[in-house]
Amino acid sequence: MSYDLIIIGAGHNGLTAAAAQAARRRKVLVLEARAEPGGLAAGLEFHPGFRTSGVLHDSSGLRSSVITSLGLESHGLRRRPISTSVFAPQAEGPGLLLHGEPSRAAEEIAVHSTVDAERYGRFCEFQKKIGPYLRNLLNTAPPDISPRGFGQFWDLFRRGMGLRRLGREDMFECLRIGPLSVSDWLGEWFESDLLKANLAAPALLGTWAGPRSAGTAALLLMHQSVAENEVIGGPAALVRALNAACEARGVELRCGARVARILVDASKVKGVELADGQVIDSTRVASAVDPRQTFLDLIDPRELPLGLAEPISNWRCRGTTAKIHLALDGPLEFSSRPGQSFDAVRIGEDLTGIERAFDAVKYRRLPEAPHLDIRVPSLLDPGLAPDGMQVVSIQVHFVPYDLDGGWTDDRRADLIESSLAQLSKVAPSCRDRIVGHQLLTPVDLERDFGTSGGHIHHGEQALDQLLSLRPQARCARYATPISGLYLCGSGSHPGGGISSAPGMLAAQAIR
C-alpha cells in the first residue's frame, strides 16, 4: 500500500505534523517503534497505580497557533487559567515563590531584596518588549542563510527590520545579550542568589551548559518569549488530544512498527522498510526522530548527499538529564512553607552551586548536589495517583550519558541518593513517604525512547545548533538534500521541549 506521507516517530511533533498534513487531505501513515505514541511526552505507569504526565513535564512552550490550527480544544485540550508559579525552597529561610504575575512576584522577591523587587518589574518589561520579535523568530521557519531569489532575500530583510524596529537602544541590547552567560546577564539586574538561580533554570535544562557558559542568556530569552499557560494534564494530555486529532483526520498510526531503513534511490525517497522486512511506498517521508538517527542509522551511507555525513556526525547530543519518578503516600511538603503544596519546584539556591553541578558532567562524574527541576502533576490531575497520594516528577540535570566507569547498579543508587539528599534538605519528610520510584538515566532514555545520547532535545541547544544551523544549514528549513525527505522533530528549528512548533513548521514545508 502506498501513502502520500510517512512519518517516522509518534512523538508530539510527529503527531502534530501528521494531523496538519492530513488536514490537507493527504493519506498519512505514522510509524512508531514503541508500544504507544507520545515519546518523551507520553504518560507511563512507573509503580502500580501511579502514572507520570511525561518524561518532559513542562508544557508552557506549546504554541497557541497549533492548538487553534488543529482544533485541539475540541479534543479536550485545555490550558491552565493562570501561569505556573515556581517555588524555590530554602533549607533555612522562607524560600521564593515566583508568581507568573510580576507584581505578586515582586512581593515575594522583596523578602530577599527590596532592590531586586523594584528591578523585577523593569526586567519583565524588557522581556515583554522584545518578546514579539523573538516569538516571530521562533514561530516561523528559520531564514535561508544562502538566499536565492527575491523572496528569500526579502525574508532576510524583513527579519532584520524586525530587530531594527525594536529601537536603537533595545536592538543593541539584544545583540549585546546574545553571547552573554545567564549568570552575567542576571547579575547585571539582581543581587539575590535565590532569585537568580530560579530565573536562570530554563536556560540550563537539558543543555551542555552551566550558568556561566556563553550564550545561555539568549536561551533564557528564547524560552521566556514563547512561554504561555501550561496544559491541564501536562504533555500526556497534549498527546491524547493530538492522537484524537489524527484519528479524526484519518491518520493511520502503527505502534510497534520500527523503521529499519529509509529507502532512497537516485537522491529521491521511495519509502521505508520496517524491521520485519515490510516495505511501504511513499515519495514523502518526514522523520521525527533525531538527526543522527535519521541520516546515519536509517539511510544507506551510499545514498547520503556528499558533504552531509560529516556535519551530522558532529551533531552534538550529549545527554545531561536523568529522570526520577517518585510515588509518595502523602504530600510533598517543604520545611520553608509547611502546610502548602506546590506543583512546580526548582532546587538550587545559587548559581555557584549549579555551576559546580555542571562542572561534574564535564569530567563524566555524578554531581554531588544535582540541579533539580520538579513537578507534582498529581496536584492538578489527581487521577495520576491513588487517593491521598502523589506523583513527583524530577528532572535531574547535569548527569553524564557516558559516566566514567559506566552505569552500574551502584552508580544508579548513588544518583538516586544524591538527588534525594538534595530534596530532603528542603523537604525532610519526603524519604519516609516514598512507596516506589523509577530512575531513567540518559542511557535509559536512549534505550527506551530512541534518543541519541539520551538527549531530551534531540541535540544540544547551543548558539551553533540553533535557528538556521539546526541541525545543519542544508536541512534547517525541514526539507533535506534528499528529495522527498523532511525533518519534523526536536532536532529541527526551533528546538526541543513541548512546543509542537517543529512538527507544525515542517508540515507547512512539506510539498
Protein backbone atom coordinates (compact mmCIF):
# COMPACT_ATOMS: atom_id res chain seq x y z
CA MET A 1 0.00 0.00 0.00
CA SER A 2 1.25 3.50 -0.84
CA TYR A 3 0.85 6.67 1.23
CA ASP A 4 1.16 10.37 0.46
CA LEU A 5 3.35 10.80 3.53
CA ILE A 6 5.06 8.51 6.03
CA ILE A 7 6.10 9.98 9.37
CA ILE A 8 8.71 8.18 11.44
CA GLY A 9 8.08 8.64 15.16
CA ALA A 10 4.83 9.37 17.02
CA GLY A 11 6.21 11.86 19.49
CA HIS A 12 4.23 15.06 19.88
CA ASN A 13 5.98 16.67 16.90
CA GLY A 14 5.35 13.67 14.66
CA LEU A 15 1.68 13.64 15.63
CA THR A 16 1.44 17.40 15.04
CA ALA A 17 2.90 17.08 11.54
CA ALA A 18 0.59 14.14 10.79
CA ALA A 19 -2.57 15.98 11.84
CA ALA A 20 -1.58 19.11 9.90
CA GLN A 21 -0.79 17.16 6.74
CA ALA A 22 -3.92 15.04 6.99
CA ALA A 23 -5.94 18.27 7.13
CA ARG A 24 -4.72 18.82 3.55
CA ARG A 25 -6.45 15.56 2.60
CA ARG A 26 -3.24 13.60 2.36
CA LYS A 27 -3.07 9.93 3.22
CA VAL A 28 -0.69 9.84 6.20
CA LEU A 29 0.92 6.89 7.98
CA VAL A 30 2.75 7.33 11.31
CA LEU A 31 5.16 4.59 12.34
CA GLU A 32 6.16 4.32 15.99
CA ALA A 33 8.69 1.83 17.37
CA ARG A 34 7.30 1.90 20.91
CA ALA A 35 4.06 0.26 22.02
CA GLU A 36 2.28 3.61 22.44
CA PRO A 37 2.50 7.09 20.92
CA GLY A 38 3.88 10.19 22.59
CA GLY A 39 7.60 9.50 23.05
CA LEU A 40 9.05 11.68 25.80
CA ALA A 41 5.66 13.36 26.22
CA ALA A 42 3.74 10.14 26.89
CA GLY A 43 2.43 9.28 30.33
CA LEU A 44 3.52 5.95 31.75
CA GLU A 45 2.85 3.82 34.81
CA PHE A 46 6.05 3.53 36.86
CA HIS A 47 4.57 1.96 40.02
CA PRO A 48 1.22 0.21 40.46
CA GLY A 49 -1.45 2.92 40.45
CA PHE A 50 1.00 5.77 39.78
CA ARG A 51 1.45 7.41 36.34
CA THR A 52 3.57 10.26 35.07
CA SER A 53 2.48 13.05 32.74
CA GLY A 54 5.58 12.57 30.55
CA VAL A 55 9.36 12.44 30.83
CA LEU A 56 9.24 16.07 29.66
CA HIS A 57 6.92 17.79 32.11
CA ASP A 58 6.87 21.48 31.12
CA SER A 59 4.16 22.29 28.58
CA SER A 60 4.49 26.08 28.70
CA GLY A 61 6.13 26.16 25.26
CA LEU A 62 3.13 24.69 23.42
CA ARG A 63 2.14 27.13 20.69
CA SER A 64 -1.40 28.50 20.77
CA SER A 65 -1.32 28.59 16.97
CA VAL A 66 -1.01 24.79 16.96
CA ILE A 67 -3.97 24.41 19.32
CA THR A 68 -6.09 26.63 17.08
CA SER A 69 -4.95 25.23 13.75
CA LEU A 70 -5.54 21.60 14.75
CA GLY A 71 -8.68 22.28 16.78
CA LEU A 72 -7.20 20.59 19.84
CA GLU A 73 -9.70 22.19 22.21
CA SER A 74 -12.42 20.15 20.51
CA HIS A 75 -10.43 17.09 21.55
CA GLY A 76 -10.35 18.08 25.19
CA LEU A 77 -7.14 20.11 25.44
CA ARG A 78 -7.26 22.92 27.99
CA ARG A 79 -4.70 25.39 29.25
CA ARG A 80 -4.43 26.37 32.88
CA PRO A 81 -6.23 29.68 33.57
CA ILE A 82 -3.10 31.25 35.11
CA SER A 83 0.62 30.90 34.53
CA THR A 84 2.56 28.45 36.67
CA SER A 85 4.17 29.76 39.83
CA VAL A 86 7.55 28.18 40.57
CA PHE A 87 8.71 27.64 44.13
CA ALA A 88 12.41 27.80 45.05
CA PRO A 89 12.67 26.33 48.58
CA GLN A 90 15.42 27.00 51.09
CA ALA A 91 16.85 24.77 53.79
CA GLU A 92 16.99 27.84 56.03
CA GLY A 93 14.70 30.66 55.02
CA PRO A 94 11.23 31.24 53.58
CA GLY A 95 12.05 30.26 50.01
CA LEU A 96 10.78 32.19 46.99
CA LEU A 97 7.51 31.64 45.12
CA LEU A 98 8.00 33.22 41.71
CA HIS A 99 4.48 34.06 40.57
CA GLY A 100 3.67 34.48 36.91
CA GLU A 101 2.18 37.87 37.73
CA PRO A 102 5.13 40.31 38.11
CA SER A 103 3.54 42.39 40.88
CA ARG A 104 2.89 39.32 43.04
CA ALA A 105 6.37 38.00 42.30
CA ALA A 106 7.83 41.32 43.42
CA GLU A 107 6.17 40.95 46.82
CA GLU A 108 7.94 37.61 47.31
CA ILE A 109 11.24 38.96 45.99
CA ALA A 110 11.10 41.88 48.42
CA VAL A 111 11.53 39.44 51.32
CA HIS A 112 15.01 38.70 49.94
CA SER A 113 15.89 42.06 48.37
CA THR A 114 13.91 45.29 48.08
CA VAL A 115 16.30 46.39 45.32
CA ASP A 116 15.52 43.26 43.29
CA ALA A 117 11.79 43.68 43.86
CA GLU A 118 11.94 47.12 42.25
CA ARG A 119 14.07 45.92 39.36
CA TYR A 120 11.99 42.84 38.62
CA GLY A 121 9.17 44.83 37.02
CA ARG A 122 11.61 46.53 34.66
CA PHE A 123 13.22 43.17 33.89
CA CYS A 124 9.81 41.77 32.89
CA GLU A 125 9.02 44.88 30.84
CA PHE A 126 12.22 44.44 28.83
CA GLN A 127 11.35 40.81 28.09
CA LYS A 128 7.83 41.86 27.13
CA LYS A 129 9.20 44.49 24.76
CA ILE A 130 11.47 42.14 22.81
CA GLY A 131 9.10 39.18 23.08
CA PRO A 132 7.20 39.76 19.82
CA TYR A 133 10.41 39.80 17.79
CA LEU A 134 11.69 36.59 19.38
CA ARG A 135 8.31 34.87 19.08
CA ASN A 136 8.20 35.65 15.38
CA LEU A 137 11.72 34.28 15.02
CA LEU A 138 10.81 31.06 16.84
CA ASN A 139 7.37 30.56 15.30
CA THR A 140 8.43 30.75 11.65
CA ALA A 141 10.86 28.72 9.57
CA PRO A 142 14.45 29.91 10.00
CA PRO A 143 15.83 32.19 7.29
CA ASP A 144 17.84 30.68 4.47
CA ILE A 145 21.41 31.83 5.08
CA SER A 146 22.19 31.31 1.38
CA PRO A 147 19.21 33.14 -0.13
CA ARG A 148 18.31 32.67 -3.76
CA GLY A 149 15.73 34.84 -5.42
CA PHE A 150 13.80 37.89 -4.31
CA GLY A 151 11.54 36.05 -1.85
CA GLN A 152 14.38 34.69 0.27
CA PHE A 153 16.27 37.98 0.22
CA TRP A 154 13.08 39.74 1.28
CA ASP A 155 12.67 37.28 4.17
CA LEU A 156 16.16 38.13 5.45
CA PHE A 157 15.50 41.86 5.07
CA ARG A 158 12.14 41.61 6.87
CA ARG A 159 13.68 39.80 9.83
CA GLY A 160 16.47 42.34 10.06
CA MET A 161 13.96 45.17 10.05
CA GLY A 162 12.01 43.42 12.80
CA LEU A 163 15.06 43.70 15.02
CA ARG A 164 15.63 47.31 13.96
CA ARG A 165 12.05 48.25 14.85
CA LEU A 166 12.82 47.49 18.50
CA GLY A 167 14.59 50.82 18.52
CA ARG A 168 18.27 51.55 18.58
CA GLU A 169 18.79 51.03 22.31
CA ASP A 170 16.84 47.76 22.61
CA MET A 171 18.31 46.42 19.36
CA PHE A 172 21.86 46.95 20.63
CA GLU A 173 20.91 45.45 23.98
CA CYS A 174 19.60 42.29 22.26
CA LEU A 175 22.81 41.97 20.27
CA ARG A 176 24.86 42.50 23.43
CA ILE A 177 22.93 39.97 25.49
CA GLY A 178 23.04 37.15 22.93
CA PRO A 179 26.57 35.88 23.67
CA LEU A 180 26.40 36.55 27.44
CA SER A 181 26.17 33.89 30.10
CA VAL A 182 22.92 33.87 32.02
CA SER A 183 24.95 34.39 35.20
CA ASP A 184 26.48 37.61 33.89
CA TRP A 185 23.22 38.94 32.49
CA LEU A 186 21.13 38.25 35.59
CA GLY A 187 23.99 39.60 37.71
CA GLU A 188 23.53 42.95 35.97
CA TRP A 189 19.94 43.06 37.20
CA PHE A 190 19.74 41.32 40.57
CA GLU A 191 21.61 40.64 43.81
CA SER A 192 19.59 37.77 45.33
CA ASP A 193 21.25 34.38 44.71
CA LEU A 194 17.97 32.51 45.10
CA LEU A 195 16.18 34.72 42.57
CA LYS A 196 18.98 34.42 40.01
CA ALA A 197 19.10 30.63 40.37
CA ASN A 198 15.32 30.37 39.90
CA LEU A 199 15.28 32.66 36.86
CA ALA A 200 18.28 31.01 35.18
CA ALA A 201 16.95 27.44 35.30
CA PRO A 202 15.00 27.40 31.99
CA ALA A 203 18.18 28.31 30.10
CA LEU A 204 20.03 25.30 31.52
CA LEU A 205 17.55 22.44 31.50
CA GLY A 206 18.76 19.70 29.17
CA THR A 207 21.77 21.66 27.93
CA TRP A 208 25.51 21.08 27.96
CA ALA A 209 26.00 24.42 29.66
CA GLY A 210 26.25 25.90 33.12
CA PRO A 211 25.08 29.35 34.20
CA ARG A 212 28.50 30.80 33.32
CA SER A 213 28.53 29.33 29.80
CA ALA A 214 28.41 31.76 26.88
CA GLY A 215 25.10 32.04 25.07
CA THR A 216 22.86 30.93 27.93
CA ALA A 217 21.34 34.39 28.29
CA ALA A 218 19.95 34.02 24.76
CA LEU A 219 18.48 30.63 25.67
CA LEU A 220 16.67 32.19 28.62
CA LEU A 221 15.22 34.98 26.49
CA MET A 222 14.06 32.50 23.87
CA HIS A 223 12.36 30.32 26.46
CA GLN A 224 10.61 33.20 28.18
CA SER A 225 9.42 34.77 24.93
CA VAL A 226 7.24 31.79 23.99
CA ALA A 227 6.14 30.65 27.46
CA GLU A 228 2.36 30.56 27.94
CA ASN A 229 -0.01 28.95 30.42
CA GLU A 230 0.61 25.24 30.73
CA VAL A 231 -1.69 22.43 29.63
CA ILE A 232 -4.00 20.86 32.19
CA GLY A 233 -2.79 17.28 32.43
CA GLY A 234 0.65 18.17 31.08
CA PRO A 235 2.33 16.75 27.98
CA ALA A 236 0.40 13.47 28.22
CA ALA A 237 -2.84 15.43 27.77
CA LEU A 238 -1.38 17.03 24.65
CA VAL A 239 -0.54 13.59 23.25
CA ARG A 240 -4.11 12.42 23.84
CA ALA A 241 -5.52 15.45 22.04
CA LEU A 242 -3.09 15.11 19.12
CA ASN A 243 -3.87 11.42 18.82
CA ALA A 244 -7.58 12.22 18.69
CA ALA A 245 -6.99 14.93 16.07
CA CYS A 246 -5.03 12.48 13.93
CA GLU A 247 -7.73 9.85 14.23
CA ALA A 248 -10.43 12.35 13.28
CA ARG A 249 -8.48 13.26 10.15
CA GLY A 250 -7.92 9.69 9.08
CA VAL A 251 -4.24 9.34 10.01
CA GLU A 252 -3.13 5.72 10.29
CA LEU A 253 -0.96 5.09 13.35
CA ARG A 254 1.03 1.89 13.75
CA CYS A 255 2.78 1.30 17.06
CA GLY A 256 5.36 -1.43 17.50
CA ALA A 257 6.49 -0.70 13.93
CA ARG A 258 10.21 0.03 13.96
CA VAL A 259 11.65 1.56 10.80
CA ALA A 260 14.90 -0.12 9.77
CA ARG A 261 15.66 1.92 6.65
CA ILE A 262 14.53 4.95 4.71
CA LEU A 263 14.63 3.82 1.09
CA VAL A 264 16.43 6.22 -1.21
CA ASP A 265 17.21 5.88 -4.91
CA ALA A 266 18.99 8.49 -7.03
CA SER A 267 18.63 11.08 -4.21
CA LYS A 268 14.86 10.57 -4.02
CA VAL A 269 12.81 8.96 -1.25
CA LYS A 270 10.98 5.81 -2.25
CA GLY A 271 9.51 4.72 1.10
CA VAL A 272 10.62 2.83 4.20
CA GLU A 273 11.48 -0.71 5.21
CA LEU A 274 10.35 -1.95 8.62
CA ALA A 275 12.37 -4.16 10.95
CA ASP A 276 10.18 -7.12 9.95
CA GLY A 277 11.12 -6.62 6.30
CA GLN A 278 7.88 -4.99 5.14
CA VAL A 279 8.36 -2.26 2.54
CA ILE A 280 5.93 0.68 2.45
CA ASP A 281 5.98 3.02 -0.54
CA SER A 282 5.83 6.81 -0.39
CA THR A 283 7.54 9.68 -2.19
CA ARG A 284 7.43 11.74 1.01
CA VAL A 285 8.93 10.73 4.35
CA ALA A 286 9.19 13.00 7.39
CA SER A 287 11.41 11.95 10.28
CA ALA A 288 10.53 12.99 13.83
CA VAL A 289 13.48 11.07 15.27
CA ASP A 290 16.75 12.88 15.90
CA PRO A 291 19.04 13.92 13.01
CA ARG A 292 21.83 11.46 13.82
CA GLN A 293 19.47 8.50 13.63
CA THR A 294 17.75 9.83 10.54
CA PHE A 295 20.86 10.28 8.43
CA LEU A 296 23.41 7.92 9.95
CA ASP A 297 21.29 4.96 11.05
CA LEU A 298 18.28 4.88 8.71
CA ILE A 299 19.85 5.80 5.36
CA ASP A 300 22.36 3.75 3.41
CA PRO A 301 25.65 5.70 3.61
CA ARG A 302 25.99 5.40 -0.17
CA GLU A 303 22.76 7.38 -0.56
CA LEU A 304 23.78 10.29 1.67
CA PRO A 305 24.44 13.52 -0.24
CA LEU A 306 28.09 14.46 -0.47
CA GLY A 307 29.29 16.51 2.49
CA LEU A 308 26.32 15.72 4.78
CA ALA A 309 27.66 12.78 6.80
CA GLU A 310 30.50 14.72 8.47
CA PRO A 311 28.44 17.65 9.88
CA ILE A 312 25.70 15.29 11.07
CA SER A 313 28.35 13.09 12.72
CA ASN A 314 29.47 16.23 14.56
CA TRP A 315 25.91 17.00 15.72
CA ARG A 316 26.26 17.20 19.50
CA CYS A 317 23.70 15.26 21.50
CA ARG A 318 25.37 14.51 24.81
CA GLY A 319 22.53 13.81 27.20
CA THR A 320 22.80 15.52 30.59
CA THR A 321 19.35 14.85 32.07
CA ALA A 322 18.09 11.92 34.13
CA LYS A 323 14.53 11.43 35.30
CA ILE A 324 13.32 10.23 38.67
CA HIS A 325 9.66 9.47 39.37
CA LEU A 326 8.57 9.15 42.97
CA ALA A 327 5.37 7.57 44.29
CA LEU A 328 4.52 9.16 47.67
CA ASP A 329 1.90 8.03 50.17
CA GLY A 330 1.33 11.65 51.19
CA PRO A 331 2.01 15.23 50.09
CA LEU A 332 5.41 16.64 49.19
CA GLU A 333 5.91 19.25 51.91
CA PHE A 334 8.65 21.82 52.30
CA SER A 335 10.05 22.97 55.63
CA SER A 336 10.13 26.59 54.47
CA ARG A 337 6.37 26.61 53.73
CA PRO A 338 4.72 23.98 55.97
CA GLY A 339 1.20 23.00 55.01
CA GLN A 340 1.47 24.42 51.47
CA SER A 341 1.62 22.49 48.20
CA PHE A 342 3.45 23.49 45.02
CA ASP A 343 3.21 21.80 41.64
CA ALA A 344 6.41 23.37 40.21
CA VAL A 345 9.66 23.49 42.20
CA ARG A 346 13.31 24.27 41.38
CA ILE A 347 16.03 23.21 43.79
CA GLY A 348 19.28 25.15 43.57
CA GLU A 349 19.88 28.09 45.89
CA ASP A 350 22.65 29.84 43.98
CA LEU A 351 24.32 29.89 40.58
CA THR A 352 27.68 28.83 42.00
CA GLY A 353 26.20 25.54 43.20
CA ILE A 354 24.55 24.97 39.82
CA GLU A 355 27.84 25.71 38.05
CA ARG A 356 29.59 23.14 40.24
CA ALA A 357 26.99 20.57 39.24
CA PHE A 358 27.75 21.31 35.59
CA ASP A 359 31.49 21.01 36.26
CA ALA A 360 30.97 17.37 37.26
CA VAL A 361 29.35 16.37 33.98
CA LYS A 362 32.29 17.77 32.01
CA TYR A 363 34.51 15.18 33.70
CA ARG A 364 31.95 12.36 33.36
CA ARG A 365 31.23 12.36 37.09
CA LEU A 366 27.99 12.48 39.03
CA PRO A 367 27.27 15.86 40.61
CA GLU A 368 27.35 15.79 44.40
CA ALA A 369 24.45 18.23 44.53
CA PRO A 370 22.48 17.93 41.26
CA HIS A 371 20.18 20.66 39.99
CA LEU A 372 16.55 19.50 40.28
CA ASP A 373 13.51 20.65 38.30
CA ILE A 374 10.41 19.17 39.94
CA ARG A 375 6.74 18.86 39.09
CA VAL A 376 3.94 17.35 41.16
CA PRO A 377 1.44 16.61 38.37
CA SER A 378 -1.00 14.75 40.61
CA LEU A 379 -1.95 18.02 42.34
CA LEU A 380 -3.77 19.14 39.19
CA ASP A 381 -4.54 15.67 37.83
CA PRO A 382 -5.44 13.51 40.87
CA GLY A 383 -6.09 10.51 38.62
CA LEU A 384 -2.33 10.01 38.28
CA ALA A 385 -2.11 8.59 41.82
CA PRO A 386 -4.38 6.79 44.33
CA ASP A 387 -6.44 8.97 46.68
CA GLY A 388 -4.31 10.96 49.09
CA MET A 389 -1.07 10.05 47.33
CA GLN A 390 1.18 11.96 44.94
CA VAL A 391 3.38 11.59 41.90
CA VAL A 392 6.61 13.60 41.93
CA SER A 393 8.39 14.11 38.61
CA ILE A 394 12.05 15.12 38.92
CA GLN A 395 14.35 16.11 36.08
CA VAL A 396 17.88 15.69 37.42
CA HIS A 397 20.28 17.91 35.49
CA PHE A 398 24.00 17.65 34.77
CA VAL A 399 24.06 13.86 34.72
CA PRO A 400 26.55 12.46 32.16
CA TYR A 401 25.47 9.99 29.49
CA ASP A 402 28.97 8.49 29.34
CA LEU A 403 29.54 8.22 33.09
CA ASP A 404 33.11 7.29 33.99
CA GLY A 405 33.01 3.59 34.85
CA GLY A 406 29.58 3.10 33.30
CA TRP A 407 26.07 2.97 34.72
CA THR A 408 26.35 0.16 37.25
CA ASP A 409 23.70 -0.58 39.87
CA ASP A 410 25.88 1.14 42.44
CA ARG A 411 26.18 4.32 40.36
CA ARG A 412 22.44 4.38 39.75
CA ALA A 413 21.94 4.11 43.51
CA ASP A 414 24.43 6.94 44.01
CA LEU A 415 22.43 9.22 41.72
CA ILE A 416 19.16 8.44 43.47
CA GLU A 417 20.79 9.06 46.84
CA SER A 418 22.35 12.41 45.87
CA SER A 419 19.06 13.57 44.33
CA LEU A 420 17.02 12.56 47.38
CA ALA A 421 19.63 14.19 49.63
CA GLN A 422 19.10 17.47 47.75
CA LEU A 423 15.34 17.14 48.02
CA SER A 424 15.44 16.12 51.69
CA LYS A 425 17.33 19.27 52.64
CA VAL A 426 14.19 21.26 51.86
CA ALA A 427 11.53 18.53 52.19
CA PRO A 428 12.68 16.39 55.15
CA SER A 429 9.59 14.16 55.25
CA CYS A 430 9.91 13.11 51.62
CA ARG A 431 12.01 9.98 52.14
CA ASP A 432 9.57 8.49 54.64
CA ARG A 433 6.70 8.85 52.15
CA ILE A 434 8.30 7.07 49.18
CA VAL A 435 6.47 3.84 48.28
CA GLY A 436 8.00 3.40 44.84
CA HIS A 437 10.37 5.04 42.39
CA GLN A 438 11.82 4.87 38.89
CA LEU A 439 15.15 6.15 37.57
CA LEU A 440 15.80 6.83 33.90
CA THR A 441 19.43 7.76 33.20
CA PRO A 442 20.44 9.27 29.85
CA VAL A 443 21.40 5.73 28.78
CA ASP A 444 17.92 4.51 29.72
CA LEU A 445 16.34 7.37 27.76
CA GLU A 446 18.36 6.38 24.70
CA ARG A 447 17.35 2.73 25.05
CA ASP A 448 13.67 3.25 25.88
CA PHE A 449 12.87 6.29 23.74
CA GLY A 450 15.44 6.08 20.95
CA THR A 451 17.05 9.47 21.56
CA SER A 452 20.71 9.56 20.51
CA GLY A 453 22.92 10.14 23.53
CA GLY A 454 19.81 10.18 25.69
CA HIS A 455 19.34 13.83 24.80
CA ILE A 456 15.87 15.13 25.68
CA HIS A 457 16.03 17.83 22.99
CA HIS A 458 17.36 15.61 20.15
CA GLY A 459 20.53 17.71 20.18
CA GLU A 460 22.16 20.41 22.25
CA GLN A 461 20.62 23.86 22.13
CA ALA A 462 23.76 25.92 21.70
CA LEU A 463 24.27 29.00 19.54
CA ASP A 464 25.85 26.92 16.77
CA GLN A 465 22.97 24.40 16.82
CA LEU A 466 20.01 26.77 16.66
CA LEU A 467 18.00 28.68 14.06
CA SER A 468 19.42 28.27 10.53
CA LEU A 469 22.07 25.84 11.79
CA ARG A 470 19.68 23.30 13.33
CA PRO A 471 20.65 20.62 12.56
CA GLN A 472 22.69 21.77 9.56
CA ALA A 473 22.34 24.66 7.13
CA ARG A 474 21.25 22.42 4.23
CA CYS A 475 18.47 20.85 6.35
CA ALA A 476 17.44 23.77 8.54
CA ARG A 477 14.20 24.52 6.69
CA TYR A 478 12.87 20.97 7.19
CA ALA A 479 13.46 19.83 3.59
CA THR A 480 16.72 17.92 3.09
CA PRO A 481 19.04 17.45 0.10
CA ILE A 482 17.27 14.11 -0.47
CA SER A 483 14.14 14.87 -2.46
CA GLY A 484 11.01 14.00 -0.50
CA LEU A 485 12.78 13.61 2.86
CA TYR A 486 11.89 16.07 5.60
CA LEU A 487 12.78 16.58 9.27
CA CYS A 488 9.97 17.30 11.73
CA GLY A 489 11.37 16.56 15.19
CA SER A 490 13.03 18.47 18.01
CA GLY A 491 16.36 18.34 16.18
CA SER A 492 14.90 21.00 13.87
CA HIS A 493 14.12 24.67 14.48
CA PRO A 494 13.06 25.97 16.98
CA GLY A 495 14.36 23.06 19.08
CA GLY A 496 13.32 20.75 21.87
CA GLY A 497 10.77 20.82 24.63
CA ILE A 498 6.99 20.54 24.38
CA SER A 499 6.07 23.07 21.71
CA SER A 500 4.77 21.23 18.59
CA ALA A 501 6.48 24.03 16.64
CA PRO A 502 8.96 21.84 14.69
CA GLY A 503 6.16 19.49 13.68
CA MET A 504 3.84 22.28 12.53
CA LEU A 505 6.53 24.23 10.67
CA ALA A 506 7.72 21.06 8.96
CA ALA A 507 4.15 20.26 7.91
CA GLN A 508 3.96 23.67 6.26
CA ALA A 509 7.19 22.94 4.36
CA ILE A 510 6.16 19.51 3.05
CA ARG A 511 5.17 19.84 -0.60
